[in-house]
Amino acid sequence: MEQNIREKQEQREFQFLSEFATKSAQSKGRKKAEEKDNLRTDFQRDRDRILHSKAFRRLKHKTQVFLSPFDDHFRTRLTHTLEVSQIARTIARSLDLNEDLTEAIALGHDLGHTPFGHCGEGVLNELVEGGFFHNLQSVRVVEVLEHLNLCQETIDGIRTHSWGYKPLTLEAKAVQLADKIAYINHDIEDSIRAGVISESDLPKDCIDYFSSNQSKRLSKMINEIINNSIGKSEISMSEEAWGYTTKLREWMFENVYINSTAKLEEAKAKNVIKELYYLYLDMVKEFCPPEKAVRVVVDYISGMTDRYAIERYKRHFIPEGFKNSTKDDFLFKLANISDQL
């Protein structure tokens, strides 16, 4: 029997991908069994489902570092996700890993992120018993809230993209590394654009090693991962490169991510999340038990965009002027006396 397009692609994976790559035909499958697609592999279907999800579309109005930026050139959570995907795919392609699985994980890794970036995540983490973690919320988005029924490998990669987790596949490890080097580099660029830091402020030894040029610095980090991982069952930077990367990341936390002018509005953003949390909790408790009410409210708030959270806050907490339903009557009065004007 002649092979369909999916089967041909699966066969090519066995022929051309690394022995360490995750083959789509060997996926551990989905929680709910589905009939195979004739055109796409299972990991390609995962990528497409994530790309077409509502949670993915909302990322365009969620903060990366700078809250609700009006400058179109600052990163949002969506552009961050696309940059992570590009970097991770470059790594996967260079190491002969499964690029489709890598892309699916990268596109889905931040679906559960809160409005106002890590500031919003921090507030929910303080309010909710057991804490709030955006990587686990991302898993909840694809499994429960949008019922995407993804492959176990994709879900594992989404869950383990945060540092401190151990991914089960090299594709997930590629995304974990890509996430770090993406935000370090694009947050440096955005912070310089915003005037929070200047290029000359960056640690000299890190710049001497990686370059002060954004493109060259990013390329060197990617090359350090690839050159140190070819033919190996693990993915990592060289020890020297990772040392400088870690130092640059720590410097960004000290000078940008914490107590910089980029964070002046965070106190207000935290208050928005906190007030909405208690408001909605009181509303929902009328319909369901307390523990379920918390879950419902957290799902709702964490899915909000920055601007929707602000709009909801204004709707419930900022008084509006009295609205007169007959305010347009004067327009018609003018029309009736137009001959006298």
Protein backbone atom coordinates (compact mmCIF):
# COMPACT_ATOMS: atom_id res chain seq x y z
CA MET A 1 0.00 0.00 0.00
CA GLU A 2 1.34 3.42 -0.95
CA GLN A 3 2.42 5.62 1.95
CA ASN A 4 0.52 8.83 2.67
CA ILE A 5 2.32 12.15 3.18
CA ARG A 6 2.50 11.81 6.97
CA GLU A 7 4.02 8.35 6.75
CA LYS A 8 6.65 9.60 4.30
CA GLN A 9 7.59 12.37 6.69
CA GLU A 10 7.82 9.93 9.58
CA GLN A 11 10.09 7.71 7.50
CA ARG A 12 12.35 10.66 6.66
CA GLU A 13 12.70 11.41 10.36
CA PHE A 14 14.19 7.95 10.90
CA GLN A 15 16.50 8.44 7.91
CA PHE A 16 17.80 11.93 8.56
CA LEU A 17 17.34 12.90 12.19
CA SER A 18 19.86 12.24 14.94
CA GLU A 19 19.68 9.04 16.95
CA PHE A 20 18.95 11.33 19.91
CA ALA A 21 16.02 13.10 18.20
CA THR A 22 12.40 12.43 19.15
CA LYS A 23 10.61 10.70 16.28
CA SER A 24 6.96 11.60 15.80
CA ALA A 25 6.04 8.00 14.95
CA GLN A 26 7.38 6.99 18.39
CA SER A 27 5.45 9.60 20.36
CA LYS A 28 3.98 8.45 23.65
CA GLY A 29 0.70 9.72 22.30
CA ARG A 30 -2.16 11.85 23.55
CA LYS A 31 -4.36 11.41 26.61
CA LYS A 32 -7.31 10.93 24.29
CA ALA A 33 -6.55 8.72 21.29
CA GLU A 34 -7.17 10.25 17.86
CA GLU A 35 -7.10 9.04 14.30
CA LYS A 36 -3.84 9.93 12.56
CA ASP A 37 -3.77 12.78 10.05
CA ASN A 38 -2.88 11.91 6.44
CA LEU A 39 -0.79 15.06 5.91
CA ARG A 40 0.78 16.05 9.23
CA THR A 41 2.78 14.26 11.87
CA ASP A 42 1.52 14.36 15.44
CA PHE A 43 3.99 17.09 16.40
CA GLN A 44 3.00 19.20 13.39
CA ARG A 45 -0.62 18.93 14.49
CA ASP A 46 0.40 20.07 18.00
CA ARG A 47 2.13 23.11 16.56
CA ASP A 48 -0.91 24.01 14.47
CA ARG A 49 -3.32 23.62 17.38
CA ILE A 50 -1.22 25.94 19.53
CA LEU A 51 -0.88 28.48 16.74
CA HIS A 52 -4.66 28.60 16.26
CA SER A 53 -5.49 28.76 19.98
CA LYS A 54 -7.07 31.81 21.60
CA ALA A 55 -4.38 31.84 24.29
CA PHE A 56 -1.69 32.24 21.61
CA ARG A 57 -3.47 35.22 20.06
CA ARG A 58 -3.73 36.95 23.44
CA LEU A 59 0.07 36.92 23.84
CA LYS A 60 0.30 39.96 21.56
CA HIS A 61 -1.09 42.16 24.35
CA LYS A 62 0.80 40.67 27.29
CA THR A 63 3.88 42.28 28.80
CA GLN A 64 7.39 40.98 28.29
CA VAL A 65 9.32 43.52 30.43
CA PHE A 66 7.82 46.94 29.71
CA LEU A 67 4.17 47.22 30.78
CA SER A 68 1.64 47.81 27.99
CA PRO A 69 4.22 49.45 25.69
CA PHE A 70 2.98 52.14 23.33
CA ASP A 71 6.21 51.95 21.33
CA ASP A 72 5.57 49.32 18.66
CA HIS A 73 9.20 48.17 18.73
CA PHE A 74 9.23 46.86 22.29
CA ARG A 75 8.78 43.13 22.72
CA THR A 76 5.52 41.65 23.91
CA ARG A 77 4.98 38.10 25.13
CA LEU A 78 4.06 37.14 21.55
CA THR A 79 7.20 38.50 19.90
CA HIS A 80 9.27 36.91 22.68
CA THR A 81 7.61 33.57 21.89
CA LEU A 82 8.38 33.92 18.17
CA GLU A 83 12.03 34.74 18.90
CA VAL A 84 12.32 31.73 21.20
CA SER A 85 10.84 29.58 18.44
CA GLN A 86 13.32 30.88 15.87
CA ILE A 87 16.32 30.28 18.13
CA ALA A 88 15.15 26.85 19.25
CA ARG A 89 14.46 25.76 15.67
CA THR A 90 17.94 26.88 14.61
CA ILE A 91 19.44 24.76 17.37
CA ALA A 92 17.22 21.77 16.55
CA ARG A 93 17.94 21.94 12.83
CA SER A 94 21.67 22.19 13.39
CA LEU A 95 21.66 19.19 15.73
CA ASP A 96 19.31 17.13 13.52
CA LEU A 97 16.57 17.11 16.13
CA ASN A 98 12.83 17.18 15.51
CA GLU A 99 12.13 20.75 14.46
CA ASP A 100 8.34 20.29 14.53
CA LEU A 101 8.32 19.19 18.17
CA THR A 102 10.73 22.00 19.04
CA GLU A 103 8.50 24.60 17.40
CA ALA A 104 5.36 23.27 19.08
CA ILE A 105 6.99 23.49 22.52
CA ALA A 106 8.38 26.97 21.85
CA LEU A 107 5.06 28.38 20.61
CA GLY A 108 3.22 26.95 23.61
CA HIS A 109 5.69 27.61 26.39
CA ASP A 110 4.19 30.91 27.63
CA LEU A 111 0.48 30.39 26.94
CA GLY A 112 -0.26 30.49 30.66
CA HIS A 113 1.62 33.71 31.37
CA THR A 114 -0.22 36.42 33.27
CA PRO A 115 -0.88 40.02 32.26
CA PHE A 116 1.96 42.39 33.26
CA GLY A 117 4.62 39.70 32.86
CA HIS A 118 6.43 38.27 35.87
CA CYS A 119 4.95 41.06 37.98
CA GLY A 120 1.49 39.57 37.50
CA GLU A 121 2.82 36.08 38.08
CA GLY A 122 4.37 37.21 41.35
CA VAL A 123 1.08 38.61 42.64
CA LEU A 124 -0.85 35.41 41.93
CA ASN A 125 2.00 33.41 43.44
CA GLU A 126 1.54 35.34 46.68
CA LEU A 127 -2.26 35.13 46.69
CA VAL A 128 -2.78 31.47 45.81
CA GLU A 129 -2.07 28.68 48.25
CA GLY A 130 0.63 26.50 46.72
CA GLY A 131 1.76 29.32 44.46
CA PHE A 132 1.28 30.16 40.80
CA PHE A 133 3.77 29.14 38.10
CA HIS A 134 3.26 30.18 34.51
CA ASN A 135 4.78 27.01 33.05
CA LEU A 136 2.25 24.85 34.93
CA GLN A 137 -0.53 27.23 33.93
CA SER A 138 0.57 26.86 30.30
CA VAL A 139 0.06 23.12 30.64
CA ARG A 140 -3.37 23.75 32.14
CA VAL A 141 -4.25 25.99 29.19
CA VAL A 142 -3.50 23.31 26.59
CA GLU A 143 -4.90 20.40 28.60
CA VAL A 144 -7.98 21.83 30.33
CA LEU A 145 -8.94 25.32 29.20
CA GLU A 146 -8.56 24.85 25.44
CA HIS A 147 -8.63 21.03 25.25
CA LEU A 148 -5.86 20.83 22.65
CA ASN A 149 -5.08 17.19 23.48
CA LEU A 150 -1.38 17.54 22.70
CA CYS A 151 1.24 14.81 22.64
CA GLN A 152 2.95 14.00 25.92
CA GLU A 153 6.32 15.19 24.58
CA THR A 154 4.92 18.62 23.74
CA ILE A 155 3.29 18.96 27.14
CA ASP A 156 6.50 17.91 28.89
CA GLY A 157 8.46 20.56 26.97
CA ILE A 158 5.96 23.27 27.90
CA ARG A 159 6.08 22.24 31.55
CA THR A 160 9.89 22.08 31.74
CA HIS A 161 10.84 25.22 29.83
CA SER A 162 11.34 27.04 33.14
CA TRP A 163 14.78 26.69 34.67
CA GLY A 164 15.08 24.02 37.36
CA TYR A 165 13.06 21.42 35.46
CA LYS A 166 14.65 18.51 33.58
CA PRO A 167 13.14 18.01 30.12
CA LEU A 168 12.60 14.48 28.82
CA THR A 169 13.62 15.32 25.24
CA LEU A 170 16.48 17.21 23.62
CA GLU A 171 13.93 19.27 21.74
CA ALA A 172 12.53 20.53 25.06
CA LYS A 173 16.06 21.25 26.28
CA ALA A 174 16.68 23.33 23.14
CA VAL A 175 13.60 25.44 23.99
CA GLN A 176 14.68 25.79 27.61
CA LEU A 177 18.03 27.24 26.51
CA ALA A 178 16.50 29.30 23.70
CA ASP A 179 14.11 30.93 26.15
CA LYS A 180 16.97 32.14 28.32
CA ILE A 181 19.22 33.52 25.61
CA ALA A 182 16.22 35.09 23.82
CA TYR A 183 15.03 37.15 26.76
CA ILE A 184 18.53 38.12 27.87
CA ASN A 185 19.33 39.54 24.45
CA HIS A 186 16.03 41.15 23.49
CA ASP A 187 15.57 42.61 26.98
CA ILE A 188 19.00 44.24 26.67
CA GLU A 189 17.97 45.77 23.35
CA ASP A 190 14.60 46.97 24.70
CA SER A 191 16.21 48.39 27.85
CA ILE A 192 18.72 50.37 25.79
CA ARG A 193 15.89 51.66 23.57
CA ALA A 194 13.97 52.73 26.69
CA GLY A 195 16.99 54.53 28.14
CA VAL A 196 17.03 52.30 31.23
CA ILE A 197 20.62 51.24 30.49
CA SER A 198 23.23 52.06 27.89
CA GLU A 199 25.47 49.69 25.97
CA SER A 200 28.48 50.89 27.95
CA ASP A 201 26.83 49.79 31.21
CA LEU A 202 26.97 46.10 30.29
CA PRO A 203 29.65 43.98 32.03
CA LYS A 204 32.86 44.46 30.06
CA ASP A 205 34.06 40.87 30.28
CA CYS A 206 30.72 39.59 28.96
CA ILE A 207 30.81 42.05 26.08
CA ASP A 208 34.41 41.19 25.29
CA TYR A 209 33.43 37.54 25.08
CA PHE A 210 30.10 37.83 23.24
CA SER A 211 30.35 41.26 21.50
CA SER A 212 28.39 44.46 22.14
CA ASN A 213 26.50 43.96 18.89
CA GLN A 214 23.07 42.41 19.49
CA SER A 215 23.15 40.11 16.46
CA LYS A 216 26.72 38.95 17.02
CA ARG A 217 26.12 38.34 20.73
CA LEU A 218 23.05 36.24 20.05
CA SER A 219 24.76 34.32 17.25
CA LYS A 220 27.71 33.48 19.46
CA MET A 221 25.45 32.14 22.20
CA ILE A 222 23.62 29.94 19.70
CA ASN A 223 26.86 28.72 18.17
CA GLU A 224 28.24 27.91 21.62
CA ILE A 225 25.25 25.63 22.23
CA ILE A 226 25.46 23.91 18.84
CA ASN A 227 29.24 23.44 18.75
CA ASN A 228 29.23 22.03 22.28
CA SER A 229 26.35 19.62 21.62
CA ILE A 230 26.90 18.05 18.19
CA GLY A 231 26.73 14.28 18.40
CA LYS A 232 25.95 14.28 22.12
CA SER A 233 22.96 13.04 24.08
CA GLU A 234 22.80 16.34 25.99
CA ILE A 235 22.51 19.98 24.93
CA SER A 236 24.50 22.65 26.71
CA MET A 237 26.82 25.61 26.25
CA SER A 238 30.51 25.36 26.93
CA GLU A 239 31.28 26.00 30.59
CA GLU A 240 32.99 29.32 29.80
CA ALA A 241 30.15 30.59 27.63
CA TRP A 242 27.53 29.55 30.18
CA GLY A 243 29.45 31.39 32.89
CA TYR A 244 29.33 34.65 30.93
CA THR A 245 25.68 34.09 29.99
CA THR A 246 24.76 33.56 33.63
CA LYS A 247 26.67 36.68 34.65
CA LEU A 248 24.86 38.74 32.01
CA ARG A 249 21.50 37.38 33.17
CA GLU A 250 22.29 38.21 36.82
CA TRP A 251 23.35 41.70 35.77
CA MET A 252 20.01 42.19 34.01
CA PHE A 253 18.14 41.17 37.16
CA GLU A 254 20.10 43.66 39.24
CA ASN A 255 19.86 46.55 36.79
CA VAL A 256 16.65 46.06 34.81
CA TYR A 257 14.30 43.37 36.12
CA ILE A 258 14.36 44.60 39.74
CA ASN A 259 13.98 48.20 40.93
CA SER A 260 14.79 49.94 37.65
CA THR A 261 12.80 52.72 35.98
CA ALA A 262 11.27 49.98 33.82
CA LYS A 263 9.48 48.78 36.95
CA LEU A 264 8.05 52.07 38.22
CA GLU A 265 4.49 51.14 37.21
CA GLU A 266 4.61 47.63 38.65
CA ALA A 267 3.10 48.65 41.99
CA LYS A 268 0.01 49.84 40.13
CA ALA A 269 -0.09 46.68 38.01
CA LYS A 270 0.14 44.52 41.13
CA ASN A 271 -2.78 46.37 42.65
CA VAL A 272 -4.87 45.78 39.51
CA ILE A 273 -4.30 42.01 39.75
CA LYS A 274 -4.90 41.93 43.50
CA GLU A 275 -8.14 43.93 43.42
CA LEU A 276 -9.53 41.90 40.53
CA TYR A 277 -8.63 38.68 42.32
CA TYR A 278 -10.60 39.53 45.47
CA LEU A 279 -13.48 41.01 43.46
CA TYR A 280 -13.93 37.94 41.28
CA LEU A 281 -13.42 35.60 44.21
CA ASP A 282 -16.38 37.15 46.00
CA MET A 283 -18.46 36.93 42.85
CA VAL A 284 -17.63 33.29 42.07
CA LYS A 285 -18.03 32.01 45.63
CA GLU A 286 -21.76 32.41 45.22
CA PHE A 287 -21.75 29.66 42.60
CA CYS A 288 -19.03 27.18 43.62
CA PRO A 289 -17.00 26.02 46.66
CA PRO A 290 -14.01 28.14 47.78
CA GLU A 291 -11.26 25.87 46.41
CA LYS A 292 -12.91 25.72 43.00
CA ALA A 293 -13.59 29.46 43.08
CA VAL A 294 -9.87 30.16 43.43
CA ARG A 295 -9.09 27.95 40.46
CA VAL A 296 -11.72 29.67 38.31
CA VAL A 297 -10.49 33.15 39.21
CA VAL A 298 -6.83 32.30 38.63
CA ASP A 299 -7.65 30.81 35.23
CA TYR A 300 -9.62 33.91 34.30
CA ILE A 301 -7.10 36.52 35.46
CA SER A 302 -4.00 34.73 34.18
CA GLY A 303 -5.60 34.56 30.74
CA MET A 304 -6.18 38.31 30.57
CA THR A 305 -4.15 40.66 28.42
CA ASP A 306 -2.68 43.78 30.00
CA ARG A 307 -5.26 46.06 28.46
CA TYR A 308 -8.21 43.82 29.31
CA ALA A 309 -7.11 43.65 32.97
CA ILE A 310 -6.86 47.45 33.02
CA GLU A 311 -10.25 47.80 31.34
CA ARG A 312 -11.86 45.45 33.88
CA TYR A 313 -10.23 47.33 36.75
CA LYS A 314 -11.56 50.63 35.42
CA ARG A 315 -15.00 49.11 34.95
CA HIS A 316 -15.23 47.95 38.56
CA PHE A 317 -13.14 50.46 40.53
CA ILE A 318 -12.97 53.78 38.66
CA PRO A 319 -16.16 55.89 38.82
CA GLU A 320 -17.61 57.18 35.58
CA GLY A 321 -19.54 60.35 35.02
CA PHE A 322 -23.34 60.15 34.88
CA LYS A 323 -24.47 59.11 31.41
CA ASN A 324 -27.54 60.90 30.13
CA SER A 325 -29.28 58.77 27.52
CA THR A 326 -30.75 61.94 25.95
CA LYS A 327 -27.44 63.74 25.56
CA ASP A 328 -27.80 63.76 21.75
CA ASP A 329 -31.08 65.68 21.86
CA PHE A 330 -29.27 68.95 21.30
CA LEU A 331 -28.11 67.65 17.92
CA PHE A 332 -31.70 67.32 16.79
CA LYS A 333 -32.62 70.67 18.34
CA LEU A 334 -29.93 72.31 16.22
CA ALA A 335 -31.27 70.56 13.14
CA ASN A 336 -34.75 71.93 13.80
CA ILE A 337 -33.54 75.54 14.11
CA SER A 338 -30.92 75.30 11.36
CA ASP A 339 -32.69 78.07 9.38
CA GLN A 340 -32.06 80.46 12.25
CA LEU A 341 -28.31 79.69 12.50
